[in-house]
Amino acid sequence: MTTDDVPDAGRKPRDDEMDFYGLTDRGKVRPTNEDHFLFCQLKKQMQILATSLPDAEPISIGEERLAAFGMVADGVGGGARGC
C-alpha cells in the first residue's frame, strides 16, 4: 500500500470508495423474516442505496452527499409486544 492508496483523513470518502452490503434471514425458529436493513446517503434528500424493506423506492438526487448511514431492525417474534 502506498501513500496514494490511503485517503486523506481530513476528507470524507468518495462514493466509489464506500461499499455497503446487507443480508437478512428468518433464522431457525421463526416462520417469517422480520429483520430489515437500510443503507442511505443523506443529501438535501435521502437516496436509498439498498434495503430489505418491501416498498422503498430510490429517490433521484443530484446534490453532494452530506453523510451516509445504515440501520438494522431486528424482528423479535411478531407478537403484539415483540415477544
PDB file of N, CA and C in Angstrom:
ATOM      1  N   MET A   1       0.850  -1.174   0.000  1.00  0.00           N
ATOM      2  CA  MET A   1       0.000   0.000   0.000  1.00  0.00           C
ATOM      3  C   MET A   1       0.893   1.234   0.000  1.00  0.00           C
ATOM      4  N   THR A   2       0.615   2.147  -0.876  1.00  0.00           N
ATOM      5  CA  THR A   2       1.388   3.389  -0.945  1.00  0.00           C
ATOM      6  C   THR A   2       0.584   4.517  -0.322  1.00  0.00           C
ATOM      7  N   THR A   3       1.216   5.649  -0.139  1.00  0.00           N
ATOM      8  CA  THR A   3       0.509   6.811   0.415  1.00  0.00           C
ATOM      9  C   THR A   3      -0.587   7.284  -0.530  1.00  0.00           C
ATOM     10  N   ASP A   4      -0.475   6.962  -1.819  1.00  0.00           N
ATOM     11  CA  ASP A   4      -1.525   7.320  -2.777  1.00  0.00           C
ATOM     12  C   ASP A   4      -2.797   6.508  -2.554  1.00  0.00           C
ATOM     13  N   ASP A   5      -2.676   5.309  -1.937  1.00  0.00           N
ATOM     14  CA  ASP A   5      -3.825   4.437  -1.692  1.00  0.00           C
ATOM     15  C   ASP A   5      -4.599   4.816  -0.439  1.00  0.00           C
ATOM     16  N   VAL A   6      -4.009   5.617   0.428  1.00  0.00           N
ATOM     17  CA  VAL A   6      -4.635   5.964   1.704  1.00  0.00           C
ATOM     18  C   VAL A   6      -5.387   7.278   1.567  1.00  0.00           C
ATOM     19  N   PRO A   7      -6.731   7.273   1.824  1.00  0.00           N
ATOM     20  CA  PRO A   7      -7.476   8.528   1.732  1.00  0.00           C
ATOM     21  C   PRO A   7      -7.012   9.534   2.785  1.00  0.00           C
ATOM     22  N   ASP A   8      -7.107  10.792   2.465  1.00  0.00           N
ATOM     23  CA  ASP A   8      -6.789  11.867   3.401  1.00  0.00           C
ATOM     24  C   ASP A   8      -7.771  11.793   4.573  1.00  0.00           C
ATOM     25  N   ALA A   9      -7.252  11.734   5.793  1.00  0.00           N
ATOM     26  CA  ALA A   9      -8.113  11.628   6.972  1.00  0.00           C
ATOM     27  C   ALA A   9      -9.003  12.848   7.157  1.00  0.00           C
ATOM     28  N   GLY A  10      -8.672  13.954   6.514  1.00  0.00           N
ATOM     29  CA  GLY A  10      -9.457  15.168   6.663  1.00  0.00           C
ATOM     30  C   GLY A  10     -10.604  15.293   5.675  1.00  0.00           C
ATOM     31  N   ARG A  11     -10.825  14.280   4.829  1.00  0.00           N
ATOM     32  CA  ARG A  11     -11.910  14.361   3.860  1.00  0.00           C
ATOM     33  C   ARG A  11     -12.808  13.142   3.975  1.00  0.00           C
ATOM     34  N   LYS A  12     -14.072  13.326   3.587  1.00  0.00           N
ATOM     35  CA  LYS A  12     -14.977  12.184   3.573  1.00  0.00           C
ATOM     36  C   LYS A  12     -14.674  11.326   2.346  1.00  0.00           C
ATOM     37  N   PRO A  13     -14.935  10.012   2.412  1.00  0.00           N
ATOM     38  CA  PRO A  13     -14.654   9.151   1.266  1.00  0.00           C
ATOM     39  C   PRO A  13     -15.567   9.475   0.090  1.00  0.00           C
ATOM     40  N   ARG A  14     -15.056   9.260  -1.115  1.00  0.00           N
ATOM     41  CA  ARG A  14     -15.877   9.411  -2.314  1.00  0.00           C
ATOM     42  C   ARG A  14     -16.886   8.272  -2.374  1.00  0.00           C
ATOM     43  N   ASP A  15     -17.948   8.450  -3.154  1.00  0.00           N
ATOM     44  CA  ASP A  15     -18.957   7.406  -3.301  1.00  0.00           C
ATOM     45  C   ASP A  15     -18.349   6.086  -3.766  1.00  0.00           C
ATOM     46  N   ASP A  16     -17.363   6.138  -4.669  1.00  0.00           N
ATOM     47  CA  ASP A  16     -16.767   4.912  -5.185  1.00  0.00           C
ATOM     48  C   ASP A  16     -15.789   4.261  -4.199  1.00  0.00           C
ATOM     49  N   GLU A  17     -15.541   4.883  -3.056  1.00  0.00           N
ATOM     50  CA  GLU A  17     -14.678   4.313  -2.026  1.00  0.00           C
ATOM     51  C   GLU A  17     -15.481   3.644  -0.915  1.00  0.00           C
ATOM     52  N   MET A  18     -16.801   3.675  -1.014  1.00  0.00           N
ATOM     53  CA  MET A  18     -17.658   3.113   0.032  1.00  0.00           C
ATOM     54  C   MET A  18     -18.374   1.876  -0.502  1.00  0.00           C
ATOM     55  N   ASP A  19     -18.421   0.812   0.317  1.00  0.00           N
ATOM     56  CA  ASP A  19     -19.134  -0.411  -0.025  1.00  0.00           C
ATOM     57  C   ASP A  19     -20.186  -0.673   1.041  1.00  0.00           C
ATOM     58  N   PHE A  20     -21.375  -1.076   0.603  1.00  0.00           N
ATOM     59  CA  PHE A  20     -22.460  -1.437   1.514  1.00  0.00           C
ATOM     60  C   PHE A  20     -22.948  -2.821   1.142  1.00  0.00           C
ATOM     61  N   TYR A  21     -23.319  -3.615   2.137  1.00  0.00           N
ATOM     62  CA  TYR A  21     -23.864  -4.940   1.885  1.00  0.00           C
ATOM     63  C   TYR A  21     -24.795  -5.295   3.018  1.00  0.00           C
ATOM     64  N   GLY A  22     -25.915  -5.894   2.715  1.00  0.00           N
ATOM     65  CA  GLY A  22     -26.856  -6.326   3.744  1.00  0.00           C
ATOM     66  C   GLY A  22     -27.503  -7.633   3.356  1.00  0.00           C
ATOM     67  N   LEU A  23     -27.847  -8.438   4.346  1.00  0.00           N
ATOM     68  CA  LEU A  23     -28.488  -9.716   4.135  1.00  0.00           C
ATOM     69  C   LEU A  23     -29.336 -10.018   5.356  1.00  0.00           C
ATOM     70  N   THR A  24     -30.538 -10.521   5.153  1.00  0.00           N
ATOM     71  CA  THR A  24     -31.374 -10.923   6.276  1.00  0.00           C
ATOM     72  C   THR A  24     -31.729 -12.390   6.127  1.00  0.00           C
ATOM     73  N   ASP A  25     -32.135 -13.002   7.229  1.00  0.00           N
ATOM     74  CA  ASP A  25     -32.509 -14.412   7.219  1.00  0.00           C
ATOM     75  C   ASP A  25     -33.532 -14.641   8.321  1.00  0.00           C
ATOM     76  N   ARG A  26     -34.499 -15.499   8.088  1.00  0.00           N
ATOM     77  CA  ARG A  26     -35.541 -15.731   9.101  1.00  0.00           C
ATOM     78  C   ARG A  26     -35.025 -16.512  10.300  1.00  0.00           C
ATOM     79  N   GLY A  27     -33.873 -17.144  10.164  1.00  0.00           N
ATOM     80  CA  GLY A  27     -33.309 -17.916  11.268  1.00  0.00           C
ATOM     81  C   GLY A  27     -33.880 -19.324  11.314  1.00  0.00           C
ATOM     82  N   LYS A  28     -33.619 -20.031  12.410  1.00  0.00           N
ATOM     83  CA  LYS A  28     -34.023 -21.440  12.532  1.00  0.00           C
ATOM     84  C   LYS A  28     -35.342 -21.631  13.267  1.00  0.00           C
ATOM     85  N   VAL A  29     -35.873 -20.566  13.913  1.00  0.00           N
ATOM     86  CA  VAL A  29     -37.046 -20.728  14.762  1.00  0.00           C
ATOM     87  C   VAL A  29     -38.307 -20.120  14.148  1.00  0.00           C
ATOM     88  N   ARG A  30     -38.214 -18.920  13.589  1.00  0.00           N
ATOM     89  CA  ARG A  30     -39.384 -18.183  13.112  1.00  0.00           C
ATOM     90  C   ARG A  30     -39.795 -18.616  11.709  1.00  0.00           C
ATOM     91  N   PRO A  31     -41.113 -18.606  11.419  1.00  0.00           N
ATOM     92  CA  PRO A  31     -41.569 -18.955  10.068  1.00  0.00           C
ATOM     93  C   PRO A  31     -41.385 -17.830   9.054  1.00  0.00           C
ATOM     94  N   THR A  32     -41.260 -16.593   9.516  1.00  0.00           N
ATOM     95  CA  THR A  32     -41.086 -15.457   8.607  1.00  0.00           C
ATOM     96  C   THR A  32     -39.884 -14.628   9.038  1.00  0.00           C
ATOM     97  N   ASN A  33     -39.335 -13.868   8.106  1.00  0.00           N
ATOM     98  CA  ASN A  33     -38.207 -12.993   8.380  1.00  0.00           C
ATOM     99  C   ASN A  33     -38.738 -11.606   8.744  1.00  0.00           C
ATOM    100  N   GLU A  34     -38.440 -11.142   9.940  1.00  0.00           N
ATOM    101  CA  GLU A  34     -38.878  -9.822  10.393  1.00  0.00           C
ATOM    102  C   GLU A  34     -37.724  -8.843  10.519  1.00  0.00           C
ATOM    103  N   ASP A  35     -36.546  -9.225  10.070  1.00  0.00           N
ATOM    104  CA  ASP A  35     -35.377  -8.357  10.125  1.00  0.00           C
ATOM    105  C   ASP A  35     -35.328  -7.492   8.870  1.00  0.00           C
ATOM    106  N   HIS A  36     -34.840  -6.277   9.001  1.00  0.00           N
ATOM    107  CA  HIS A  36     -34.699  -5.374   7.861  1.00  0.00           C
ATOM    108  C   HIS A  36     -33.419  -4.566   7.998  1.00  0.00           C
ATOM    109  N   PHE A  37     -32.901  -4.087   6.873  1.00  0.00           N
ATOM    110  CA  PHE A  37     -31.759  -3.186   6.871  1.00  0.00           C
ATOM    111  C   PHE A  37     -32.016  -2.068   5.889  1.00  0.00           C
ATOM    112  N   LEU A  38     -31.266  -0.980   6.039  1.00  0.00           N
ATOM    113  CA  LEU A  38     -31.388   0.175   5.161  1.00  0.00           C
ATOM    114  C   LEU A  38     -30.046   0.890   5.118  1.00  0.00           C
ATOM    115  N   PHE A  39     -29.511   1.145   3.931  1.00  0.00           N
ATOM    116  CA  PHE A  39     -28.308   1.955   3.737  1.00  0.00           C
ATOM    117  C   PHE A  39     -28.708   3.181   2.932  1.00  0.00           C
ATOM    118  N   CYS A  40     -28.308   4.352   3.366  1.00  0.00           N
ATOM    119  CA  CYS A  40     -28.718   5.589   2.697  1.00  0.00           C
ATOM    120  C   CYS A  40     -27.545   6.545   2.560  1.00  0.00           C
ATOM    121  N   GLN A  41     -27.709   7.465   1.634  1.00  0.00           N
ATOM    122  CA  GLN A  41     -26.862   8.639   1.563  1.00  0.00           C
ATOM    123  C   GLN A  41     -27.751   9.829   1.870  1.00  0.00           C
ATOM    124  N   LEU A  42     -27.269  10.706   2.714  1.00  0.00           N
ATOM    125  CA  LEU A  42     -28.022  11.904   3.036  1.00  0.00           C
ATOM    126  C   LEU A  42     -27.507  13.060   2.193  1.00  0.00           C
ATOM    127  N   LYS A  43     -28.390  13.615   1.452  1.00  0.00           N
ATOM    128  CA  LYS A  43     -28.078  14.796   0.658  1.00  0.00           C
ATOM    129  C   LYS A  43     -29.106  15.830   1.101  1.00  0.00           C
ATOM    130  N   LYS A  44     -29.621  16.643   0.231  1.00  0.00           N
ATOM    131  CA  LYS A  44     -30.719  17.506   0.651  1.00  0.00           C
ATOM    132  C   LYS A  44     -31.998  16.685   0.751  1.00  0.00           C
ATOM    133  N   GLN A  45     -31.957  15.488   0.185  1.00  0.00           N
ATOM    134  CA  GLN A  45     -32.998  14.482   0.316  1.00  0.00           C
ATOM    135  C   GLN A  45     -32.297  13.156   0.582  1.00  0.00           C
ATOM    136  N   MET A  46     -33.069  12.096   0.817  1.00  0.00           N
ATOM    137  CA  MET A  46     -32.477  10.795   1.095  1.00  0.00           C
ATOM    138  C   MET A  46     -32.464   9.951  -0.174  1.00  0.00           C
ATOM    139  N   GLN A  47     -31.329   9.306  -0.456  1.00  0.00           N
ATOM    140  CA  GLN A  47     -31.198   8.377  -1.575  1.00  0.00           C
ATOM    141  C   GLN A  47     -30.967   6.991  -1.003  1.00  0.00           C
ATOM    142  N   ILE A  48     -31.892   6.071  -1.247  1.00  0.00           N
ATOM    143  CA  ILE A  48     -31.764   4.715  -0.729  1.00  0.00           C
ATOM    144  C   ILE A  48     -30.804   3.938  -1.614  1.00  0.00           C
ATOM    145  N   LEU A  49     -29.778   3.339  -1.008  1.00  0.00           N
ATOM    146  CA  LEU A  49     -28.783   2.553  -1.741  1.00  0.00           C
ATOM    147  C   LEU A  49     -29.145   1.080  -1.757  1.00  0.00           C
ATOM    148  N   ALA A  50     -29.630   0.558  -0.639  1.00  0.00           N
ATOM    149  CA  ALA A  50     -30.021  -0.843  -0.541  1.00  0.00           C
ATOM    150  C   ALA A  50     -30.936  -0.991   0.658  1.00  0.00           C
ATOM    151  N   THR A  51     -31.933  -1.854   0.547  1.00  0.00           N
ATOM    152  CA  THR A  51     -32.827  -2.098   1.670  1.00  0.00           C
ATOM    153  C   THR A  51     -33.525  -3.430   1.497  1.00  0.00           C
ATOM    154  N   SER A  52     -33.969  -4.003   2.597  1.00  0.00           N
ATOM    155  CA  SER A  52     -34.808  -5.186   2.557  1.00  0.00           C
ATOM    156  C   SER A  52     -36.272  -4.795   2.726  1.00  0.00           C
ATOM    157  N   LEU A  53     -36.558  -3.513   2.919  1.00  0.00           N
ATOM    158  CA  LEU A  53     -37.931  -3.048   3.078  1.00  0.00           C
ATOM    159  C   LEU A  53     -38.689  -3.231   1.767  1.00  0.00           C
ATOM    160  N   PRO A  54     -39.938  -3.702   1.802  1.00  0.00           N
ATOM    161  CA  PRO A  54     -40.633  -4.064   0.569  1.00  0.00           C
ATOM    162  C   PRO A  54     -41.082  -2.904  -0.313  1.00  0.00           C
ATOM    163  N   ASP A  55     -41.380  -1.735   0.223  1.00  0.00           N
ATOM    164  CA  ASP A  55     -41.971  -0.656  -0.580  1.00  0.00           C
ATOM    165  C   ASP A  55     -41.111   0.594  -0.661  1.00  0.00           C
ATOM    166  N   ALA A  56     -39.816   0.483  -0.502  1.00  0.00           N
ATOM    167  CA  ALA A  56     -38.940   1.658  -0.552  1.00  0.00           C
ATOM    168  C   ALA A  56     -38.528   1.904  -1.999  1.00  0.00           C
ATOM    169  N   GLU A  57     -38.711   3.135  -2.465  1.00  0.00           N
ATOM    170  CA  GLU A  57     -38.324   3.492  -3.828  1.00  0.00           C
ATOM    171  C   GLU A  57     -37.142   4.463  -3.782  1.00  0.00           C
ATOM    172  N   PRO A  58     -36.125   4.237  -4.633  1.00  0.00           N
ATOM    173  CA  PRO A  58     -34.999   5.185  -4.678  1.00  0.00           C
ATOM    174  C   PRO A  58     -35.465   6.589  -5.050  1.00  0.00           C
ATOM    175  N   ILE A  59     -34.802   7.565  -4.493  1.00  0.00           N
ATOM    176  CA  ILE A  59     -35.121   8.966  -4.755  1.00  0.00           C
ATOM    177  C   ILE A  59     -33.994   9.543  -5.595  1.00  0.00           C
ATOM    178  N   SER A  60     -34.311  10.184  -6.702  1.00  0.00           N
ATOM    179  CA  SER A  60     -33.297  10.761  -7.579  1.00  0.00           C
ATOM    180  C   SER A  60     -32.737  12.037  -6.965  1.00  0.00           C
ATOM    181  N   ILE A  61     -31.415  12.085  -6.817  1.00  0.00           N
ATOM    182  CA  ILE A  61     -30.754  13.205  -6.159  1.00  0.00           C
ATOM    183  C   ILE A  61     -29.582  13.672  -7.023  1.00  0.00           C
ATOM    184  N   GLY A  62     -29.326  14.967  -7.068  1.00  0.00           N
ATOM    185  CA  GLY A  62     -28.197  15.478  -7.808  1.00  0.00           C
ATOM    186  C   GLY A  62     -27.243  16.287  -6.961  1.00  0.00           C
ATOM    187  N   GLU A  63     -27.470  16.361  -5.675  1.00  0.00           N
ATOM    188  CA  GLU A  63     -26.667  17.183  -4.775  1.00  0.00           C
ATOM    189  C   GLU A  63     -25.501  16.392  -4.190  1.00  0.00           C
ATOM    190  N   GLU A  64     -24.547  17.093  -3.612  1.00  0.00           N
ATOM    191  CA  GLU A  64     -23.399  16.485  -2.944  1.00  0.00           C
ATOM    192  C   GLU A  64     -23.857  15.703  -1.719  1.00  0.00           C
ATOM    193  N   ARG A  65     -23.210  14.546  -1.474  1.00  0.00           N
ATOM    194  CA  ARG A  65     -23.518  13.744  -0.291  1.00  0.00           C
ATOM    195  C   ARG A  65     -23.045  14.466   0.960  1.00  0.00           C
ATOM    196  N   LEU A  66     -23.908  14.554   1.957  1.00  0.00           N
ATOM    197  CA  LEU A  66     -23.555  15.146   3.244  1.00  0.00           C
ATOM    198  C   LEU A  66     -23.098  14.082   4.236  1.00  0.00           C
ATOM    199  N   ALA A  67     -23.714  12.898   4.161  1.00  0.00           N
ATOM    200  CA  ALA A  67     -23.385  11.810   5.076  1.00  0.00           C
ATOM    201  C   ALA A  67     -23.951  10.513   4.511  1.00  0.00           C
ATOM    202  N   ALA A  68     -23.528   9.398   5.092  1.00  0.00           N
ATOM    203  CA  ALA A  68     -24.079   8.085   4.769  1.00  0.00           C
ATOM    204  C   ALA A  68     -24.341   7.371   6.081  1.00  0.00           C
ATOM    205  N   PHE A  69     -25.370   6.544   6.108  1.00  0.00           N
ATOM    206  CA  PHE A  69     -25.646   5.796   7.327  1.00  0.00           C
ATOM    207  C   PHE A  69     -26.334   4.488   6.992  1.00  0.00           C
ATOM    208  N   GLY A  70     -26.354   3.583   7.966  1.00  0.00           N
ATOM    209  CA  GLY A  70     -27.048   2.315   7.830  1.00  0.00           C
ATOM    210  C   GLY A  70     -27.806   2.019   9.103  1.00  0.00           C
ATOM    211  N   MET A  71     -28.899   1.272   8.975  1.00  0.00           N
ATOM    212  CA  MET A  71     -29.716   0.878  10.125  1.00  0.00           C
ATOM    213  C   MET A  71     -30.039  -0.604  10.026  1.00  0.00           C
ATOM    214  N   VAL A  72     -30.270  -1.217  11.175  1.00  0.00           N
ATOM    215  CA  VAL A  72     -30.726  -2.594  11.241  1.00  0.00           C
ATOM    216  C   VAL A  72     -31.882  -2.643  12.216  1.00  0.00           C
ATOM    217  N   ALA A  73     -32.977  -3.306  11.822  1.00  0.00           N
ATOM    218  CA  ALA A  73     -34.112  -3.538  12.722  1.00  0.00           C
ATOM    219  C   ALA A  73     -34.243  -5.039  12.894  1.00  0.00           C
ATOM    220  N   ASP A  74     -34.066  -5.502  14.115  1.00  0.00           N
ATOM    221  CA  ASP A  74     -34.113  -6.932  14.395  1.00  0.00           C
ATOM    222  C   ASP A  74     -35.526  -7.316  14.797  1.00  0.00           C
ATOM    223  N   GLY A  75     -36.181  -8.134  13.982  1.00  0.00           N
ATOM    224  CA  GLY A  75     -37.504  -8.627  14.317  1.00  0.00           C
ATOM    225  C   GLY A  75     -37.422  -9.519  15.538  1.00  0.00           C
ATOM    226  N   VAL A  76     -38.445  -9.465  16.409  1.00  0.00           N
ATOM    227  CA  VAL A  76     -38.386 -10.223  17.658  1.00  0.00           C
ATOM    228  C   VAL A  76     -39.626 -11.096  17.876  1.00  0.00           C
ATOM    229  N   GLY A  77     -40.096 -11.733  16.843  1.00  0.00           N
ATOM    230  CA  GLY A  77     -41.096 -12.763  17.045  1.00  0.00           C
ATOM    231  C   GLY A  77     -42.501 -12.465  16.606  1.00  0.00           C
ATOM    232  N   GLY A  78     -42.827 -11.242  16.226  1.00  0.00           N
ATOM    233  CA  GLY A  78     -44.133 -10.944  15.670  1.00  0.00           C
ATOM    234  C   GLY A  78     -45.273 -10.800  16.658  1.00  0.00           C
ATOM    235  N   GLY A  79     -45.027 -10.944  17.932  1.00  0.00           N
ATOM    236  CA  GLY A  79     -46.094 -10.762  18.915  1.00  0.00           C
ATOM    237  C   GLY A  79     -46.458  -9.303  19.062  1.00  0.00           C
ATOM    238  N   ALA A  80     -47.598  -9.032  19.686  1.00  0.00           N
ATOM    239  CA  ALA A  80     -48.073  -7.654  19.871  1.00  0.00           C
ATOM    240  C   ALA A  80     -47.067  -6.791  20.624  1.00  0.00           C
ATOM    241  N   ARG A  81     -46.296  -7.393  21.506  1.00  0.00           N
ATOM    242  CA  ARG A  81     -45.302  -6.642  22.269  1.00  0.00           C
ATOM    243  C   ARG A  81     -43.885  -7.015  21.839  1.00  0.00           C
ATOM    244  N   GLY A  82     -43.755  -7.622  20.677  1.00  0.00           N
ATOM    245  CA  GLY A  82     -42.436  -8.015  20.185  1.00  0.00           C
ATOM    246  C   GLY A  82     -41.903  -9.264  20.799  1.00  0.00           C
ATOM    247  N   CYS A  83     -42.770 -10.097  21.363  1.00  0.00           N
ATOM    248  CA  CYS A  83     -42.349 -11.349  22.027  1.00  0.00           C
ATOM    249  C   CYS A  83     -42.442 -12.515  21.089  1.00  0.00           C
TER     250      CYS A  83
END
